[in-house]
Every structure is written in C-alpha cells, then in structure tokens.
Amino acid sequence: MADQKVIRGNLGNIVSKVREAKIYKDSVIIVGLAADPDLVENTVRSSVYDPSHTHSYRPWRVEVHD
C-alpha cells in the first residue's frame, strides 16, 4: 500500500524509529505477537477493513462484487 509504512522495533527503540520515519499522527502501533506476520498468517481478517463493514469513517454500505 502506498499510504502504509511498516516500522519494526521493540519497546526500547520504537519511539526513535517512529520519529526517524517522520510519523507524527494517524498511526497504529501494534505490540507483541500480533505484530508477527508469521504467527497471524491464517487468522480471520479484521472486519474494520472489510469493504462491506460500516463504521464512523465509512458510514454507508459499500456493494461488494465478486
């Protein structure tokens, strides 16, 4: 994704890595096992990213065509 950056670090260095990457707002920091893509490869995708799911930033229904 063009609008996505992945910064990997630990609790001791993540602040400096985020600053170095010039990420100032609108970011999500995931900590722990959930951040390891090898461990979550076959899990259920979050409904937040499902195009048919509505929320405050997407309050209307989006038609999904297969």
C-alpha atoms as a PDB file:
ATOM      1  CA  MET A   1       0.000   0.000   0.000  1.00  0.00           C
ATOM      2  CA  ALA A   2       1.273   3.431  -0.859  1.00  0.00           C
ATOM      3  CA  ASP A   3      -0.190   5.012   2.260  1.00  0.00           C
ATOM      4  CA  GLN A   4       1.230   2.427   4.658  1.00  0.00           C
ATOM      5  CA  LYS A   5       4.606   2.288   6.384  1.00  0.00           C
ATOM      6  CA  VAL A   6       5.789  -0.608   8.489  1.00  0.00           C
ATOM      7  CA  ILE A   7       8.374   0.201  11.148  1.00  0.00           C
ATOM      8  CA  ARG A   8       9.697  -2.703  13.196  1.00  0.00           C
ATOM      9  CA  GLY A   9      11.255  -2.225  16.584  1.00  0.00           C
ATOM     10  CA  ASN A  10      10.942  -3.029  20.250  1.00  0.00           C
ATOM     11  CA  LEU A  11       9.693  -1.046  23.218  1.00  0.00           C
ATOM     12  CA  GLY A  12      13.183   0.328  23.762  1.00  0.00           C
ATOM     13  CA  ASN A  13      13.641   1.814  20.281  1.00  0.00           C
ATOM     14  CA  ILE A  14      10.216   2.258  18.677  1.00  0.00           C
ATOM     15  CA  VAL A  15       9.915   5.934  19.646  1.00  0.00           C
ATOM     16  CA  SER A  16      13.172   6.860  17.922  1.00  0.00           C
ATOM     17  CA  LYS A  17      12.298   4.721  14.878  1.00  0.00           C
ATOM     18  CA  VAL A  18       8.885   6.398  14.518  1.00  0.00           C
ATOM     19  CA  ARG A  19      10.457   9.855  14.828  1.00  0.00           C
ATOM     20  CA  GLU A  20      13.156   8.923  12.308  1.00  0.00           C
ATOM     21  CA  ALA A  21      10.433   7.818   9.874  1.00  0.00           C
ATOM     22  CA  LYS A  22       8.687  11.193  10.431  1.00  0.00           C
ATOM     23  CA  ILE A  23       5.399   9.656  11.523  1.00  0.00           C
ATOM     24  CA  TYR A  24       3.623  12.352  13.514  1.00  0.00           C
ATOM     25  CA  LYS A  25      -0.067  11.429  13.634  1.00  0.00           C
ATOM     26  CA  ASP A  26      -2.692   8.947  12.486  1.00  0.00           C
ATOM     27  CA  SER A  27      -0.644   5.886  13.231  1.00  0.00           C
ATOM     28  CA  VAL A  28      -1.253   2.496  14.797  1.00  0.00           C
ATOM     29  CA  ILE A  29       1.431   0.781  16.817  1.00  0.00           C
ATOM     30  CA  ILE A  30       0.981  -2.962  17.293  1.00  0.00           C
ATOM     31  CA  VAL A  31       2.946  -4.615  20.076  1.00  0.00           C
ATOM     32  CA  GLY A  32       3.519  -8.280  20.808  1.00  0.00           C
ATOM     33  CA  LEU A  33       2.668 -11.486  18.986  1.00  0.00           C
ATOM     34  CA  ALA A  34       0.000  -9.760  16.892  1.00  0.00           C
ATOM     35  CA  ALA A  35       2.800  -7.873  15.134  1.00  0.00           C
ATOM     36  CA  ASP A  36       4.452 -11.074  13.874  1.00  0.00           C
ATOM     37  CA  PRO A  37       3.027 -11.823  10.397  1.00  0.00           C
ATOM     38  CA  ASP A  38       4.269 -15.428  10.552  1.00  0.00           C
ATOM     39  CA  LEU A  39       2.058 -16.083  13.585  1.00  0.00           C
ATOM     40  CA  VAL A  40      -1.093 -14.445  12.220  1.00  0.00           C
ATOM     41  CA  GLU A  41      -0.915 -15.640   8.604  1.00  0.00           C
ATOM     42  CA  ASN A  42      -4.114 -17.718   8.644  1.00  0.00           C
ATOM     43  CA  THR A  43      -6.240 -15.724  11.059  1.00  0.00           C
ATOM     44  CA  VAL A  44      -9.552 -14.017  10.344  1.00  0.00           C
ATOM     45  CA  ARG A  45      -9.208 -10.576   8.788  1.00  0.00           C
ATOM     46  CA  SER A  46     -10.472  -7.651  10.859  1.00  0.00           C
ATOM     47  CA  SER A  47     -13.950  -6.514   9.851  1.00  0.00           C
ATOM     48  CA  VAL A  48     -12.733  -2.897  10.011  1.00  0.00           C
ATOM     49  CA  TYR A  49     -11.024  -3.428   6.631  1.00  0.00           C
ATOM     50  CA  ASP A  50     -13.897  -5.408   5.099  1.00  0.00           C
ATOM     51  CA  PRO A  51     -15.454  -3.153   2.408  1.00  0.00           C
ATOM     52  CA  SER A  52     -18.955  -4.232   3.426  1.00  0.00           C
ATOM     53  CA  HIS A  53     -18.404  -3.240   7.080  1.00  0.00           C
ATOM     54  CA  THR A  54     -19.559   0.249   8.119  1.00  0.00           C
ATOM     55  CA  HIS A  55     -18.062   2.467  10.818  1.00  0.00           C
ATOM     56  CA  SER A  56     -17.680   6.175  11.577  1.00  0.00           C
ATOM     57  CA  TYR A  57     -15.301   6.768   8.649  1.00  0.00           C
ATOM     58  CA  ARG A  58     -17.363   4.636   6.264  1.00  0.00           C
ATOM     59  CA  PRO A  59     -20.981   5.065   7.389  1.00  0.00           C
ATOM     60  CA  TRP A  60     -22.603   3.863   4.159  1.00  0.00           C
ATOM     61  CA  ARG A  61     -22.897   0.371   2.730  1.00  0.00           C
ATOM     62  CA  VAL A  62     -20.418  -0.448   0.007  1.00  0.00           C
ATOM     63  CA  GLU A  63     -21.520  -3.019  -2.565  1.00  0.00           C
ATOM     64  CA  VAL A  64     -19.086  -5.883  -2.920  1.00  0.00           C
ATOM     65  CA  HIS A  65     -18.979  -7.529  -6.345  1.00  0.00           C
ATOM     66  CA  ASP A  66     -17.448 -10.963  -6.715  1.00  0.00           C
END
